[in-house]
Protein backbone atom coordinates (compact mmCIF):
# COMPACT_ATOMS: atom_id res chain seq x y z
CA UNK A 1 0.00 0.05 0.10
CA UNK A 2 1.34 3.38 -1.02
CA UNK A 3 1.20 5.58 2.19
CA UNK A 4 2.73 8.75 0.72
CA UNK A 5 0.78 12.16 1.41
CA UNK A 6 -1.85 13.52 -0.58
CA UNK A 7 -1.90 17.41 -0.94
CA UNK A 8 -5.28 19.00 -1.03
CA UNK A 9 -5.05 22.64 -2.43
CA UNK A 10 -8.35 24.20 -1.45
CA UNK A 11 -9.27 27.75 -0.11
CA UNK A 12 -12.94 27.06 0.68
CA UNK A 13 -13.07 25.91 4.29
CA UNK A 14 -16.33 24.04 3.68
CA UNK A 15 -15.09 22.17 0.68
CA UNK A 16 -11.87 21.32 2.64
CA UNK A 17 -13.94 19.85 5.46
CA UNK A 18 -16.16 17.75 3.12
CA UNK A 19 -13.04 16.66 1.13
CA UNK A 20 -11.30 15.46 4.23
CA UNK A 21 -14.33 13.83 5.64
CA UNK A 22 -14.96 11.93 2.38
CA UNK A 23 -11.55 10.71 2.29
CA UNK A 24 -11.62 9.52 5.95
CA UNK A 25 -14.98 7.88 5.07
CA UNK A 26 -13.21 5.83 2.29
CA UNK A 27 -10.50 4.77 4.79
CA UNK A 28 -7.77 6.57 3.08
CA UNK A 29 -5.21 6.67 5.85
CA UNK A 30 -2.63 8.63 3.95
CA UNK A 31 -1.43 12.10 5.65
CA UNK A 32 -3.47 14.92 4.02
CA UNK A 33 -1.64 18.15 3.71
CA UNK A 34 -3.61 21.32 3.03
CA UNK A 35 -2.55 24.29 0.88
CA UNK A 36 -5.09 27.18 0.90
CA UNK A 37 -3.70 29.31 -2.01
CA UNK A 38 -1.56 28.82 -4.85
CA UNK A 39 1.65 30.21 -3.40
CA UNK A 40 1.44 27.65 -0.51
CA UNK A 41 0.69 24.82 -2.91
CA UNK A 42 3.83 25.50 -4.93
CA UNK A 43 6.01 25.79 -1.94
CA UNK A 44 4.53 22.63 -0.55
CA UNK A 45 5.01 20.56 -3.71
CA UNK A 46 8.07 21.92 -5.03
CA UNK A 47 9.80 21.19 -1.76
CA UNK A 48 8.08 17.76 -0.82
CA UNK A 49 10.42 15.03 0.03
CA UNK A 50 9.19 12.46 -0.82
CA UNK A 51 6.71 13.61 -3.48
CA UNK A 52 3.03 12.94 -2.58
CA UNK A 53 0.92 10.29 -4.20
CA UNK A 54 -1.49 12.94 -5.77
CA UNK A 55 -2.36 16.45 -5.61
CA UNK A 56 -6.21 17.41 -5.48
CA UNK A 57 -6.00 20.91 -7.04
CA UNK A 58 -8.67 23.59 -7.13
CA UNK A 59 -8.39 26.11 -9.81
CA UNK A 60 -10.09 29.42 -8.17
CA UNK A 61 -7.29 30.13 -5.62
CA UNK A 62 -6.08 33.24 -4.00
CA UNK A 63 -2.55 34.69 -4.73
CA UNK A 64 -1.62 32.13 -7.66
CA UNK A 65 -4.44 30.42 -9.76
CA UNK A 66 -4.56 26.64 -9.85
CA UNK A 67 -3.87 26.72 -13.65
CA UNK A 68 -0.41 28.55 -12.89
CA UNK A 69 0.23 26.06 -10.11
CA UNK A 70 -0.36 23.18 -12.55
CA UNK A 71 1.80 25.00 -15.07
CA UNK A 72 4.82 25.45 -12.61
CA UNK A 73 4.52 21.81 -11.44
CA UNK A 74 4.65 20.50 -14.85
CA UNK A 75 7.68 22.72 -15.71
CA UNK A 76 9.84 21.15 -12.99
CA UNK A 77 11.61 17.85 -13.99
CA UNK A 78 11.17 16.80 -10.47
CA UNK A 79 7.32 17.07 -10.29
CA UNK A 80 6.24 16.94 -13.87
CA UNK A 81 4.79 13.53 -13.73
CA UNK A 82 3.14 13.98 -10.27
CA UNK A 83 -0.48 12.95 -10.44
CA UNK A 84 -2.58 15.89 -10.33
CA UNK A 85 -6.43 15.92 -10.11
CA UNK A 86 -8.29 19.18 -10.82
CA UNK A 87 -11.17 19.18 -8.14
CA UNK A 88 -13.08 22.40 -8.75
CA UNK A 89 -16.46 23.82 -9.17
CA UNK A 90 -15.79 25.17 -12.68
CA UNK A 91 -17.47 23.25 -15.41
CA UNK A 92 -16.24 25.92 -17.98
CA UNK A 93 -14.97 24.27 -21.14
CA UNK A 94 -11.83 26.69 -21.30
CA UNK A 95 -10.82 25.56 -17.77
CA UNK A 96 -11.20 21.88 -18.70
CA UNK A 97 -9.36 22.25 -21.71
CA UNK A 98 -6.59 24.30 -20.28
CA UNK A 99 -6.25 21.90 -17.42
CA UNK A 100 -5.67 19.06 -19.75
CA UNK A 101 -3.36 21.12 -22.12
CA UNK A 102 -1.04 21.96 -18.92
CA UNK A 103 -0.96 18.13 -17.96
CA UNK A 104 -3.82 17.50 -15.44
CA UNK A 105 -4.39 13.68 -15.05
CA UNK A 106 -7.95 13.99 -14.34
CA UNK A 107 -10.67 16.74 -14.11
CA UNK A 108 -13.46 16.50 -11.64
CA UNK A 109 -16.21 19.02 -11.09
CA UNK A 110 -17.51 19.27 -7.41
CA UNK A 111 -20.86 18.02 -7.43
CA UNK A 112 -23.20 20.24 -5.43
CA UNK A 113 -24.89 17.62 -3.61
CA UNK A 114 -23.13 16.44 -0.28
CA UNK A 115 -23.82 12.77 -1.16
CA UNK A 116 -22.35 13.08 -4.50
CA UNK A 117 -19.38 15.10 -3.51
CA UNK A 118 -18.54 12.65 -0.81
CA UNK A 119 -18.74 9.72 -3.38
CA UNK A 120 -16.69 11.49 -5.88
CA UNK A 121 -13.81 12.29 -3.51
CA UNK A 122 -14.01 8.88 -1.99
CA UNK A 123 -13.53 7.36 -5.35
CA UNK A 124 -10.65 9.69 -6.25
CA UNK A 125 -8.82 8.88 -2.86
CA UNK A 126 -9.41 5.29 -3.41
CA UNK A 127 -7.88 5.34 -6.97
CA UNK A 128 -5.02 7.63 -6.50
CA UNK A 129 -3.76 6.68 -3.09
CA UNK A 130 -4.42 2.91 -3.14
CA UNK A 131 -4.77 1.59 -6.81
CA UNK A 132 -2.67 3.70 -8.91
CA UNK A 133 0.87 2.56 -9.38
CA UNK A 134 3.17 5.63 -9.09
CA UNK A 135 6.36 6.06 -10.70
CA UNK A 136 9.42 4.36 -8.75
CA UNK A 137 10.99 6.46 -6.17
CA UNK A 138 13.93 8.65 -7.67
CA UNK A 139 12.39 8.45 -11.21
CA UNK A 140 11.72 11.89 -12.66
CA UNK A 141 10.93 10.81 -16.13
CA UNK A 142 10.38 7.78 -18.27
């Protein structure tokens, strides 16, 4: 079992609580680090050792946008293959297209209903923290 950390980048306290609750409900035991703006996210990710198993990234962030966070993570050889799931309330085509153009591994719109939100986050956590096989430690590119 991969017990590396999960980084949640979320500025909305309610969405943060719901996400954490959903991950715990799915029995995800990984430590979850929280970044509440794009600046914190970049510092946390680019200085992480070891790298997290996945980043759950909101797009609408203070200081530095989620798209810019994604762009900078992908620009670094050390983090360019790190799994990044955009978890956002935006369903705008331009945000979806730009996220994938910048290298997002997945794009998930936050459901408005609590039960659907919990289920979506639980499934994300199970897949990325427990099922997905990450690159071997120390490998920065194929």
